[in-house]
């Protein structure tokens, strides 16, 4: 159970977005003598994406290299195939989640696909991708946890993960959550039985949505703020150069 401090921690630190315009997921400098300390776990603001984020989703998936596309889709998806996948996303039926860095780059993306057939409306499938520079911070696991909370709130009883057997990161997330993994040649199928939603589940779902919305707005404001400062600095630079030329 998260404490109030844990939920509010990102809000309490929100002002740092304006003070330090650096990538949230920048990798710390290391040396052989002094390996990096493990970053303590914290709440990751996960935003529910809508149709207006379609192009950001497209940019995220197109930025994946060949091996990452192979692991995400189960085949070496071409740019055209990714375009068709993104164009076909149904934001009304399915749920798509994302994690943005301070530059508003979509660094992690999850797709929870719900069955179109009402006979299987208690089932859902999970897929995730994380940019290389943002890996090793548990974002895939956080996205899966968020997907489970949302799926339980919708009455889903079974979450499926279809992955290549070599996709050890995805299968590790599934096993940690208690999923049963069945291997069939080069492919693996994992499924997790979900308990019915309770009050805590529904509240966690609502709080996470609100927290992620606030976090995204703060990042947008921070980006606009730094853009404004940059414009002002350009104007000041032009004025100084003009004065310098006049004085010569």
C-alpha atoms as a PDB file:
ATOM      1  CA  UNK A   1       0.000   0.000   0.000  1.00  0.00           C
ATOM      2  CA  UNK A   2       1.385   3.405  -0.963  1.00  0.00           C
ATOM      3  CA  UNK A   3       1.521   6.024   1.764  1.00  0.00           C
ATOM      4  CA  UNK A   4       0.305   9.574   1.222  1.00  0.00           C
ATOM      5  CA  UNK A   5       3.924  10.760   1.102  1.00  0.00           C
ATOM      6  CA  UNK A   6       4.734   8.255  -1.640  1.00  0.00           C
ATOM      7  CA  UNK A   7       1.816   9.410  -3.780  1.00  0.00           C
ATOM      8  CA  UNK A   8       2.622  13.097  -3.276  1.00  0.00           C
ATOM      9  CA  UNK A   9       6.391  12.826  -3.669  1.00  0.00           C
ATOM     10  CA  UNK A  10       6.408  13.767  -7.398  1.00  0.00           C
ATOM     11  CA  UNK A  11       4.157  16.754  -6.663  1.00  0.00           C
ATOM     12  CA  UNK A  12       6.385  17.974  -3.837  1.00  0.00           C
ATOM     13  CA  UNK A  13       9.368  17.884  -6.172  1.00  0.00           C
ATOM     14  CA  UNK A  14       7.541  19.347  -9.163  1.00  0.00           C
ATOM     15  CA  UNK A  15       9.237  22.739  -8.859  1.00  0.00           C
ATOM     16  CA  UNK A  16      12.546  21.101  -9.776  1.00  0.00           C
ATOM     17  CA  UNK A  17      11.271  20.798 -13.357  1.00  0.00           C
ATOM     18  CA  UNK A  18      11.690  24.569 -13.735  1.00  0.00           C
ATOM     19  CA  UNK A  19      15.030  24.765 -11.961  1.00  0.00           C
ATOM     20  CA  UNK A  20      16.802  21.909 -13.709  1.00  0.00           C
ATOM     21  CA  UNK A  21      15.824  21.427 -17.378  1.00  0.00           C
ATOM     22  CA  UNK A  22      17.683  18.129 -17.722  1.00  0.00           C
ATOM     23  CA  UNK A  23      16.482  14.754 -18.875  1.00  0.00           C
ATOM     24  CA  UNK A  24      14.728  12.966 -16.051  1.00  0.00           C
ATOM     25  CA  UNK A  25      16.306   9.733 -17.156  1.00  0.00           C
ATOM     26  CA  UNK A  26      19.852  10.886 -17.810  1.00  0.00           C
ATOM     27  CA  UNK A  27      22.310   8.125 -16.933  1.00  0.00           C
ATOM     28  CA  UNK A  28      24.644   9.139 -14.068  1.00  0.00           C
ATOM     29  CA  UNK A  29      28.367   9.290 -14.775  1.00  0.00           C
ATOM     30  CA  UNK A  30      30.225   6.297 -13.449  1.00  0.00           C
ATOM     31  CA  UNK A  31      33.731   4.983 -13.007  1.00  0.00           C
ATOM     32  CA  UNK A  32      34.964   1.460 -12.437  1.00  0.00           C
ATOM     33  CA  UNK A  33      35.954   2.394  -8.898  1.00  0.00           C
ATOM     34  CA  UNK A  34      32.633   4.006  -8.095  1.00  0.00           C
ATOM     35  CA  UNK A  35      29.666   2.235  -9.705  1.00  0.00           C
ATOM     36  CA  UNK A  36      26.373   4.157  -9.673  1.00  0.00           C
ATOM     37  CA  UNK A  37      24.131   3.762  -6.665  1.00  0.00           C
ATOM     38  CA  UNK A  38      20.765   2.236  -7.498  1.00  0.00           C
ATOM     39  CA  UNK A  39      18.097   4.889  -7.892  1.00  0.00           C
ATOM     40  CA  UNK A  40      15.492   4.458  -5.121  1.00  0.00           C
ATOM     41  CA  UNK A  41      12.019   3.453  -6.243  1.00  0.00           C
ATOM     42  CA  UNK A  42       9.510   6.247  -6.663  1.00  0.00           C
ATOM     43  CA  UNK A  43       6.160   6.786  -8.257  1.00  0.00           C
ATOM     44  CA  UNK A  44       6.448   7.162 -12.045  1.00  0.00           C
ATOM     45  CA  UNK A  45       3.758   9.464 -13.484  1.00  0.00           C
ATOM     46  CA  UNK A  46       2.091   7.350 -16.174  1.00  0.00           C
ATOM     47  CA  UNK A  47      -0.197   9.256 -18.505  1.00  0.00           C
ATOM     48  CA  UNK A  48      -3.206   7.823 -20.303  1.00  0.00           C
ATOM     49  CA  UNK A  49      -2.765   8.643 -23.985  1.00  0.00           C
ATOM     50  CA  UNK A  50      -5.511   9.680 -26.386  1.00  0.00           C
ATOM     51  CA  UNK A  51      -5.887  10.161 -30.127  1.00  0.00           C
ATOM     52  CA  UNK A  52      -4.132  13.520 -29.899  1.00  0.00           C
ATOM     53  CA  UNK A  53      -0.963  11.681 -28.851  1.00  0.00           C
ATOM     54  CA  UNK A  54      -1.016   9.479 -31.959  1.00  0.00           C
ATOM     55  CA  UNK A  55       1.967  11.193 -33.589  1.00  0.00           C
ATOM     56  CA  UNK A  56       4.036  10.972 -30.396  1.00  0.00           C
ATOM     57  CA  UNK A  57       3.260   7.249 -30.282  1.00  0.00           C
ATOM     58  CA  UNK A  58       4.299   6.942 -33.919  1.00  0.00           C
ATOM     59  CA  UNK A  59       7.576   8.783 -33.253  1.00  0.00           C
ATOM     60  CA  UNK A  60       8.305   6.536 -30.260  1.00  0.00           C
ATOM     61  CA  UNK A  61       7.770   3.300 -32.174  1.00  0.00           C
ATOM     62  CA  UNK A  62       9.599   4.479 -35.293  1.00  0.00           C
ATOM     63  CA  UNK A  63      12.617   5.343 -33.125  1.00  0.00           C
ATOM     64  CA  UNK A  64      12.965   1.679 -32.077  1.00  0.00           C
ATOM     65  CA  UNK A  65      15.761  -0.135 -33.874  1.00  0.00           C
ATOM     66  CA  UNK A  66      15.310  -3.434 -35.692  1.00  0.00           C
ATOM     67  CA  UNK A  67      15.938  -5.693 -32.694  1.00  0.00           C
ATOM     68  CA  UNK A  68      13.591  -3.702 -30.464  1.00  0.00           C
ATOM     69  CA  UNK A  69      10.850  -3.782 -33.106  1.00  0.00           C
ATOM     70  CA  UNK A  70      11.342  -7.528 -33.361  1.00  0.00           C
ATOM     71  CA  UNK A  71      10.887  -7.976 -29.612  1.00  0.00           C
ATOM     72  CA  UNK A  72       7.922  -5.584 -29.395  1.00  0.00           C
ATOM     73  CA  UNK A  73       5.891  -6.899 -32.325  1.00  0.00           C
ATOM     74  CA  UNK A  74       7.252 -10.412 -32.715  1.00  0.00           C
ATOM     75  CA  UNK A  75       8.554  -9.611 -36.191  1.00  0.00           C
ATOM     76  CA  UNK A  76      10.850  -7.065 -37.848  1.00  0.00           C
ATOM     77  CA  UNK A  77       8.196  -4.385 -38.295  1.00  0.00           C
ATOM     78  CA  UNK A  78       8.869  -1.935 -41.110  1.00  0.00           C
ATOM     79  CA  UNK A  79       8.066   1.775 -40.907  1.00  0.00           C
ATOM     80  CA  UNK A  80       4.967   1.164 -43.030  1.00  0.00           C
ATOM     81  CA  UNK A  81       3.742  -1.614 -40.721  1.00  0.00           C
ATOM     82  CA  UNK A  82       4.257   0.608 -37.687  1.00  0.00           C
ATOM     83  CA  UNK A  83       2.326   3.389 -39.425  1.00  0.00           C
ATOM     84  CA  UNK A  84      -0.593   1.023 -40.029  1.00  0.00           C
ATOM     85  CA  UNK A  85      -0.465  -0.178 -36.413  1.00  0.00           C
ATOM     86  CA  UNK A  86      -0.544   3.380 -35.055  1.00  0.00           C
ATOM     87  CA  UNK A  87      -3.306   4.462 -37.444  1.00  0.00           C
ATOM     88  CA  UNK A  88      -5.438   1.504 -36.322  1.00  0.00           C
ATOM     89  CA  UNK A  89      -5.144   2.182 -32.577  1.00  0.00           C
ATOM     90  CA  UNK A  90      -8.595   2.323 -30.991  1.00  0.00           C
ATOM     91  CA  UNK A  91      -8.362   4.743 -28.072  1.00  0.00           C
ATOM     92  CA  UNK A  92     -12.015   4.211 -27.157  1.00  0.00           C
ATOM     93  CA  UNK A  93     -11.739   0.453 -26.719  1.00  0.00           C
ATOM     94  CA  UNK A  94      -8.102  -0.037 -25.691  1.00  0.00           C
ATOM     95  CA  UNK A  95      -5.900   1.783 -23.221  1.00  0.00           C
ATOM     96  CA  UNK A  96      -2.521   3.226 -24.147  1.00  0.00           C
ATOM     97  CA  UNK A  97      -0.187   4.525 -21.448  1.00  0.00           C
ATOM     98  CA  UNK A  98       3.016   6.486 -21.691  1.00  0.00           C
ATOM     99  CA  UNK A  99       5.858   7.950 -19.668  1.00  0.00           C
ATOM    100  CA  UNK A 100       7.262  11.297 -20.817  1.00  0.00           C
ATOM    101  CA  UNK A 101      10.607  12.790 -19.921  1.00  0.00           C
ATOM    102  CA  UNK A 102      11.053  16.500 -19.250  1.00  0.00           C
ATOM    103  CA  UNK A 103      11.576  17.161 -22.929  1.00  0.00           C
ATOM    104  CA  UNK A 104       8.108  15.651 -23.520  1.00  0.00           C
ATOM    105  CA  UNK A 105       9.642  12.734 -25.404  1.00  0.00           C
ATOM    106  CA  UNK A 106       7.612   9.556 -25.031  1.00  0.00           C
ATOM    107  CA  UNK A 107      10.232   7.219 -23.571  1.00  0.00           C
ATOM    108  CA  UNK A 108       7.992   4.300 -22.566  1.00  0.00           C
ATOM    109  CA  UNK A 109       4.742   3.068 -24.090  1.00  0.00           C
ATOM    110  CA  UNK A 110       2.252   0.368 -23.140  1.00  0.00           C
ATOM    111  CA  UNK A 111      -0.787  -0.885 -25.041  1.00  0.00           C
ATOM    112  CA  UNK A 112      -3.545  -2.795 -23.265  1.00  0.00           C
ATOM    113  CA  UNK A 113      -5.744  -4.360 -25.943  1.00  0.00           C
ATOM    114  CA  UNK A 114      -9.237  -5.455 -24.939  1.00  0.00           C
ATOM    115  CA  UNK A 115     -11.158  -8.114 -26.851  1.00  0.00           C
ATOM    116  CA  UNK A 116     -13.674  -6.938 -29.433  1.00  0.00           C
ATOM    117  CA  UNK A 117     -15.759 -10.078 -28.904  1.00  0.00           C
ATOM    118  CA  UNK A 118     -17.994  -9.649 -25.836  1.00  0.00           C
ATOM    119  CA  UNK A 119     -17.483 -13.333 -25.015  1.00  0.00           C
ATOM    120  CA  UNK A 120     -13.898 -12.480 -24.082  1.00  0.00           C
ATOM    121  CA  UNK A 121     -14.438  -9.086 -22.473  1.00  0.00           C
ATOM    122  CA  UNK A 122     -12.815 -10.336 -19.267  1.00  0.00           C
ATOM    123  CA  UNK A 123      -9.467 -10.732 -21.060  1.00  0.00           C
ATOM    124  CA  UNK A 124      -6.818  -8.232 -22.151  1.00  0.00           C
ATOM    125  CA  UNK A 125      -3.374  -8.338 -23.778  1.00  0.00           C
ATOM    126  CA  UNK A 126      -0.386  -6.240 -22.709  1.00  0.00           C
ATOM    127  CA  UNK A 127       2.490  -4.964 -24.857  1.00  0.00           C
ATOM    128  CA  UNK A 128       5.264  -2.520 -23.934  1.00  0.00           C
ATOM    129  CA  UNK A 129       8.303  -0.747 -25.366  1.00  0.00           C
ATOM    130  CA  UNK A 130      10.939   1.405 -23.643  1.00  0.00           C
ATOM    131  CA  UNK A 131      13.602   3.501 -25.347  1.00  0.00           C
ATOM    132  CA  UNK A 132      17.146   2.250 -24.739  1.00  0.00           C
ATOM    133  CA  UNK A 133      18.253   5.346 -22.845  1.00  0.00           C
ATOM    134  CA  UNK A 134      15.405   4.928 -20.346  1.00  0.00           C
ATOM    135  CA  UNK A 135      15.893   1.253 -19.544  1.00  0.00           C
ATOM    136  CA  UNK A 136      17.047  -0.221 -16.273  1.00  0.00           C
ATOM    137  CA  UNK A 137      14.666   1.955 -14.236  1.00  0.00           C
ATOM    138  CA  UNK A 138      11.714  -0.391 -14.000  1.00  0.00           C
ATOM    139  CA  UNK A 139       9.452   1.532 -16.376  1.00  0.00           C
ATOM    140  CA  UNK A 140       8.177  -1.631 -18.046  1.00  0.00           C
ATOM    141  CA  UNK A 141       7.206  -3.067 -14.677  1.00  0.00           C
ATOM    142  CA  UNK A 142       5.522   0.183 -13.634  1.00  0.00           C
ATOM    143  CA  UNK A 143       3.510   0.257 -16.845  1.00  0.00           C
ATOM    144  CA  UNK A 144       2.450  -3.345 -16.320  1.00  0.00           C
ATOM    145  CA  UNK A 145       1.385  -2.595 -12.737  1.00  0.00           C
ATOM    146  CA  UNK A 146      -0.658   0.364 -13.992  1.00  0.00           C
ATOM    147  CA  UNK A 147      -2.248  -1.817 -16.674  1.00  0.00           C
ATOM    148  CA  UNK A 148      -3.235  -4.403 -14.077  1.00  0.00           C
ATOM    149  CA  UNK A 149      -4.871  -1.778 -11.845  1.00  0.00           C
ATOM    150  CA  UNK A 150      -6.858  -0.379 -14.754  1.00  0.00           C
ATOM    151  CA  UNK A 151      -7.825  -3.818 -16.065  1.00  0.00           C
ATOM    152  CA  UNK A 152      -9.088  -4.895 -12.647  1.00  0.00           C
ATOM    153  CA  UNK A 153     -11.172  -1.728 -12.424  1.00  0.00           C
ATOM    154  CA  UNK A 154     -12.740  -2.701 -15.770  1.00  0.00           C
ATOM    155  CA  UNK A 155     -13.594  -6.201 -14.632  1.00  0.00           C
ATOM    156  CA  UNK A 156     -10.800  -8.008 -16.487  1.00  0.00           C
ATOM    157  CA  UNK A 157      -9.854 -11.338 -14.911  1.00  0.00           C
ATOM    158  CA  UNK A 158      -7.022 -12.464 -17.185  1.00  0.00           C
ATOM    159  CA  UNK A 159      -4.070 -10.483 -18.563  1.00  0.00           C
ATOM    160  CA  UNK A 160      -2.120 -12.054 -21.432  1.00  0.00           C
ATOM    161  CA  UNK A 161       1.402 -11.286 -22.617  1.00  0.00           C
ATOM    162  CA  UNK A 162       2.509 -12.744 -25.936  1.00  0.00           C
ATOM    163  CA  UNK A 163       6.271 -12.462 -26.273  1.00  0.00           C
ATOM    164  CA  UNK A 164       9.216 -14.079 -27.983  1.00  0.00           C
ATOM    165  CA  UNK A 165      11.058 -16.445 -25.664  1.00  0.00           C
ATOM    166  CA  UNK A 166      14.185 -14.303 -26.087  1.00  0.00           C
ATOM    167  CA  UNK A 167      12.338 -11.267 -24.728  1.00  0.00           C
ATOM    168  CA  UNK A 168      13.626 -11.988 -21.250  1.00  0.00           C
ATOM    169  CA  UNK A 169      12.835  -8.500 -19.917  1.00  0.00           C
ATOM    170  CA  UNK A 170       9.123  -8.843 -20.697  1.00  0.00           C
ATOM    171  CA  UNK A 171       8.908 -12.390 -19.390  1.00  0.00           C
ATOM    172  CA  UNK A 172      10.717 -11.324 -16.217  1.00  0.00           C
ATOM    173  CA  UNK A 173       8.075  -8.645 -15.620  1.00  0.00           C
ATOM    174  CA  UNK A 174       5.342 -11.245 -16.081  1.00  0.00           C
ATOM    175  CA  UNK A 175       6.955 -13.780 -13.748  1.00  0.00           C
ATOM    176  CA  UNK A 176       7.554 -11.164 -11.048  1.00  0.00           C
ATOM    177  CA  UNK A 177       3.844 -10.350 -11.165  1.00  0.00           C
ATOM    178  CA  UNK A 178       3.028 -14.019 -10.623  1.00  0.00           C
ATOM    179  CA  UNK A 179       2.054 -14.853 -14.196  1.00  0.00           C
ATOM    180  CA  UNK A 180       2.175 -18.380 -15.562  1.00  0.00           C
ATOM    181  CA  UNK A 181       4.522 -18.581 -18.553  1.00  0.00           C
ATOM    182  CA  UNK A 182       4.124 -21.321 -21.159  1.00  0.00           C
ATOM    183  CA  UNK A 183       6.761 -21.719 -23.866  1.00  0.00           C
ATOM    184  CA  UNK A 184       6.010 -22.969 -27.361  1.00  0.00           C
ATOM    185  CA  UNK A 185       9.171 -23.027 -29.453  1.00  0.00           C
ATOM    186  CA  UNK A 186      10.441 -19.504 -30.102  1.00  0.00           C
ATOM    187  CA  UNK A 187       7.363 -17.908 -28.539  1.00  0.00           C
ATOM    188  CA  UNK A 188       6.033 -17.687 -25.001  1.00  0.00           C
ATOM    189  CA  UNK A 189       2.575 -16.985 -23.672  1.00  0.00           C
ATOM    190  CA  UNK A 190       2.168 -15.550 -20.185  1.00  0.00           C
ATOM    191  CA  UNK A 191      -1.120 -15.064 -18.417  1.00  0.00           C
ATOM    192  CA  UNK A 192      -1.918 -13.496 -15.085  1.00  0.00           C
ATOM    193  CA  UNK A 193      -5.151 -14.113 -13.206  1.00  0.00           C
ATOM    194  CA  UNK A 194      -6.431 -10.852 -11.735  1.00  0.00           C
ATOM    195  CA  UNK A 195      -8.487 -10.635  -8.535  1.00  0.00           C
ATOM    196  CA  UNK A 196     -11.662  -8.531  -8.598  1.00  0.00           C
ATOM    197  CA  UNK A 197     -11.196  -4.806  -8.068  1.00  0.00           C
ATOM    198  CA  UNK A 198     -11.643  -3.465  -4.537  1.00  0.00           C
ATOM    199  CA  UNK A 199     -11.894   0.070  -3.169  1.00  0.00           C
ATOM    200  CA  UNK A 200      -8.111   0.498  -2.953  1.00  0.00           C
ATOM    201  CA  UNK A 201      -7.718  -0.577  -6.575  1.00  0.00           C
ATOM    202  CA  UNK A 202     -10.266   1.949  -7.815  1.00  0.00           C
ATOM    203  CA  UNK A 203      -8.774   4.752  -5.717  1.00  0.00           C
ATOM    204  CA  UNK A 204      -5.250   3.942  -6.921  1.00  0.00           C
ATOM    205  CA  UNK A 205      -6.526   4.083 -10.503  1.00  0.00           C
ATOM    206  CA  UNK A 206      -8.057   7.534  -9.985  1.00  0.00           C
ATOM    207  CA  UNK A 207      -5.057   8.946  -8.108  1.00  0.00           C
ATOM    208  CA  UNK A 208      -2.565   7.717 -10.717  1.00  0.00           C
ATOM    209  CA  UNK A 209      -4.552   9.310 -13.537  1.00  0.00           C
ATOM    210  CA  UNK A 210      -4.702  12.641 -11.703  1.00  0.00           C
ATOM    211  CA  UNK A 211      -1.025  12.538 -10.745  1.00  0.00           C
ATOM    212  CA  UNK A 212       0.074  11.786 -14.307  1.00  0.00           C
ATOM    213  CA  UNK A 213      -2.083  14.596 -15.713  1.00  0.00           C
ATOM    214  CA  UNK A 214      -0.572  17.105 -13.288  1.00  0.00           C
ATOM    215  CA  UNK A 215       2.948  15.875 -14.014  1.00  0.00           C
ATOM    216  CA  UNK A 216       2.436  16.253 -17.766  1.00  0.00           C
ATOM    217  CA  UNK A 217       1.070  19.784 -17.400  1.00  0.00           C
ATOM    218  CA  UNK A 218       4.069  20.770 -15.280  1.00  0.00           C
ATOM    219  CA  UNK A 219       6.441  19.426 -17.925  1.00  0.00           C
ATOM    220  CA  UNK A 220       4.588  21.324 -20.648  1.00  0.00           C
ATOM    221  CA  UNK A 221       4.775  24.531 -18.597  1.00  0.00           C
ATOM    222  CA  UNK A 222       8.474  23.970 -17.900  1.00  0.00           C
ATOM    223  CA  UNK A 223       9.194  23.479 -21.591  1.00  0.00           C
ATOM    224  CA  UNK A 224       7.254  26.635 -22.469  1.00  0.00           C
ATOM    225  CA  UNK A 225       9.089  28.540 -19.728  1.00  0.00           C
ATOM    226  CA  UNK A 226      12.531  27.558 -21.006  1.00  0.00           C
ATOM    227  CA  UNK A 227      11.476  28.288 -24.575  1.00  0.00           C
ATOM    228  CA  UNK A 228      10.400  31.773 -23.486  1.00  0.00           C
ATOM    229  CA  UNK A 229      13.706  32.365 -21.681  1.00  0.00           C
ATOM    230  CA  UNK A 230      15.603  31.232 -24.744  1.00  0.00           C
ATOM    231  CA  UNK A 231      13.670  33.704 -26.905  1.00  0.00           C
ATOM    232  CA  UNK A 232      14.351  36.535 -24.444  1.00  0.00           C
ATOM    233  CA  UNK A 233      18.054  35.690 -24.398  1.00  0.00           C
ATOM    234  CA  UNK A 234      18.151  35.789 -28.202  1.00  0.00           C
ATOM    235  CA  UNK A 235      16.523  39.226 -28.185  1.00  0.00           C
ATOM    236  CA  UNK A 236      18.957  40.492 -25.531  1.00  0.00           C
ATOM    237  CA  UNK A 237      21.879  39.113 -27.493  1.00  0.00           C
ATOM    238  CA  UNK A 238      20.676  40.947 -30.591  1.00  0.00           C
ATOM    239  CA  UNK A 239      20.297  44.197 -28.647  1.00  0.00           C
ATOM    240  CA  UNK A 240      23.815  43.885 -27.181  1.00  0.00           C
ATOM    241  CA  UNK A 241      25.302  43.184 -30.591  1.00  0.00           C
ATOM    242  CA  UNK A 242      23.431  46.174 -32.033  1.00  0.00           C
ATOM    243  CA  UNK A 243      24.743  48.467 -29.293  1.00  0.00           C
ATOM    244  CA  UNK A 244      28.256  47.152 -29.771  1.00  0.00           C
ATOM    245  CA  UNK A 245      28.164  47.905 -33.504  1.00  0.00           C
ATOM    246  CA  UNK A 246      26.752  51.398 -32.850  1.00  0.00           C
ATOM    247  CA  UNK A 247      29.558  52.172 -30.406  1.00  0.00           C
ATOM    248  CA  UNK A 248      32.257  51.254 -32.926  1.00  0.00           C
END
